[in-house]
Amino acid sequence: MATNLPALSEQAGETDLVLRQVLSDVLGLSAERLAELDDDAGLFGHLPELDSMAVAGLLTELEDRLDILIEDDEVDGEMLETYGGLLSFLADKRNNA
């Protein structure tokens, strides 16, 4: 029986890579700081670079690079609370696009 699990994990890996690249490009995070990000790593309120002004730029860049649309009513503190939360949100958006 054929499954598409490899395709899903490839897409998840690609989403993770894009998210790390955008965090580097938009927030100026170093490779060392990016490497420390795991699912439980805090983002908004934990990274001084990710303030309310940076959120708009971050989300716009993610929309462009992942070819998704993030609606205003989807943006909340929970989505931006942790790296894993944002990654999961982005993966869901890509799967439902």
Protein backbone atom coordinates (compact mmCIF):
# COMPACT_ATOMS: atom_id res chain seq x y z
CA MET A 1 0.00 0.00 0.00
CA ALA A 2 1.44 3.33 -1.05
CA THR A 3 1.43 6.21 1.40
CA ASN A 4 2.39 9.81 1.04
CA LEU A 5 4.18 10.05 4.39
CA PRO A 6 7.54 10.86 2.79
CA ALA A 7 5.92 13.70 0.87
CA LEU A 8 4.36 15.03 4.07
CA SER A 9 7.63 14.85 5.97
CA GLU A 10 9.45 16.51 3.05
CA GLN A 11 6.93 19.34 3.11
CA ALA A 12 7.24 19.62 6.91
CA GLY A 13 11.02 19.79 6.58
CA GLU A 14 10.74 22.40 3.87
CA THR A 15 8.35 24.48 6.00
CA ASP A 16 10.78 24.27 8.93
CA LEU A 17 13.67 25.37 6.70
CA VAL A 18 11.69 28.29 5.25
CA LEU A 19 10.58 29.41 8.71
CA ARG A 20 14.19 29.39 9.94
CA GLN A 21 15.34 31.32 6.85
CA VAL A 22 12.63 33.95 7.34
CA LEU A 23 13.49 34.32 11.04
CA SER A 24 17.08 34.86 10.00
CA ASP A 25 16.27 37.29 7.18
CA VAL A 26 13.56 39.33 8.92
CA LEU A 27 14.80 39.28 12.52
CA GLY A 28 18.51 38.89 11.90
CA LEU A 29 18.82 35.79 14.09
CA SER A 30 22.20 34.08 13.93
CA ALA A 31 22.66 30.48 12.82
CA GLU A 32 23.44 29.56 16.43
CA ARG A 33 20.20 31.04 17.73
CA LEU A 34 18.22 29.39 14.92
CA ALA A 35 19.78 26.02 15.75
CA GLU A 36 18.55 26.39 19.34
CA LEU A 37 14.92 26.72 18.27
CA ASP A 38 12.88 23.63 19.04
CA ASP A 39 9.11 23.15 19.26
CA ASP A 40 8.96 24.60 22.79
CA ALA A 41 11.16 27.63 22.10
CA GLY A 42 9.34 30.86 22.87
CA LEU A 43 8.89 33.40 20.09
CA PHE A 44 6.68 36.45 20.68
CA GLY A 45 7.52 37.85 24.09
CA HIS A 46 10.70 35.77 24.26
CA LEU A 47 12.71 37.01 21.29
CA PRO A 48 13.40 40.73 21.68
CA GLU A 49 13.68 41.02 17.89
CA LEU A 50 10.09 39.77 17.43
CA ASP A 51 8.09 42.77 18.54
CA SER A 52 4.69 43.85 17.29
CA MET A 53 6.24 45.77 14.39
CA ALA A 54 8.29 42.75 13.27
CA VAL A 55 5.28 40.40 13.30
CA ALA A 56 3.76 41.99 10.19
CA GLY A 57 7.01 41.71 8.24
CA LEU A 58 7.54 38.14 9.40
CA LEU A 59 4.05 37.02 8.40
CA THR A 60 4.19 38.82 5.04
CA GLU A 61 7.49 37.15 4.20
CA LEU A 62 6.14 33.73 5.24
CA GLU A 63 3.08 34.25 3.02
CA ASP A 64 5.31 35.09 0.05
CA ARG A 65 7.77 32.25 0.50
CA LEU A 66 5.22 29.55 1.36
CA ASP A 67 2.54 30.76 -1.10
CA ILE A 68 -0.13 30.95 1.61
CA LEU A 69 -2.54 33.60 2.85
CA ILE A 70 -2.67 34.37 6.57
CA GLU A 71 -5.90 36.14 7.48
CA ASP A 72 -5.83 38.84 10.16
CA ASP A 73 -8.24 36.89 12.38
CA GLU A 74 -5.85 33.91 12.35
CA VAL A 75 -3.04 35.89 13.98
CA ASP A 76 -3.05 35.55 17.75
CA GLY A 77 -0.69 35.11 20.65
CA GLU A 78 -1.05 31.34 20.69
CA MET A 79 0.08 31.01 17.08
CA LEU A 80 3.18 33.10 17.79
CA GLU A 81 3.88 31.78 21.29
CA THR A 82 6.30 29.00 20.36
CA TYR A 83 8.34 27.91 17.38
CA GLY A 84 6.40 24.64 17.24
CA GLY A 85 3.07 26.47 17.35
CA LEU A 86 4.00 28.70 14.43
CA LEU A 87 5.48 25.79 12.49
CA SER A 88 2.31 23.73 13.03
CA PHE A 89 0.13 26.65 11.92
CA LEU A 90 2.19 27.09 8.75
CA ALA A 91 2.13 23.36 7.98
CA ASP A 92 -1.67 23.32 8.35
CA LYS A 93 -2.01 26.35 6.07
CA ARG A 94 0.15 24.67 3.40
CA ASN A 95 -1.77 21.40 3.64
CA ASN A 96 -5.09 23.20 3.25
CA ALA A 97 -4.00 25.59 0.50
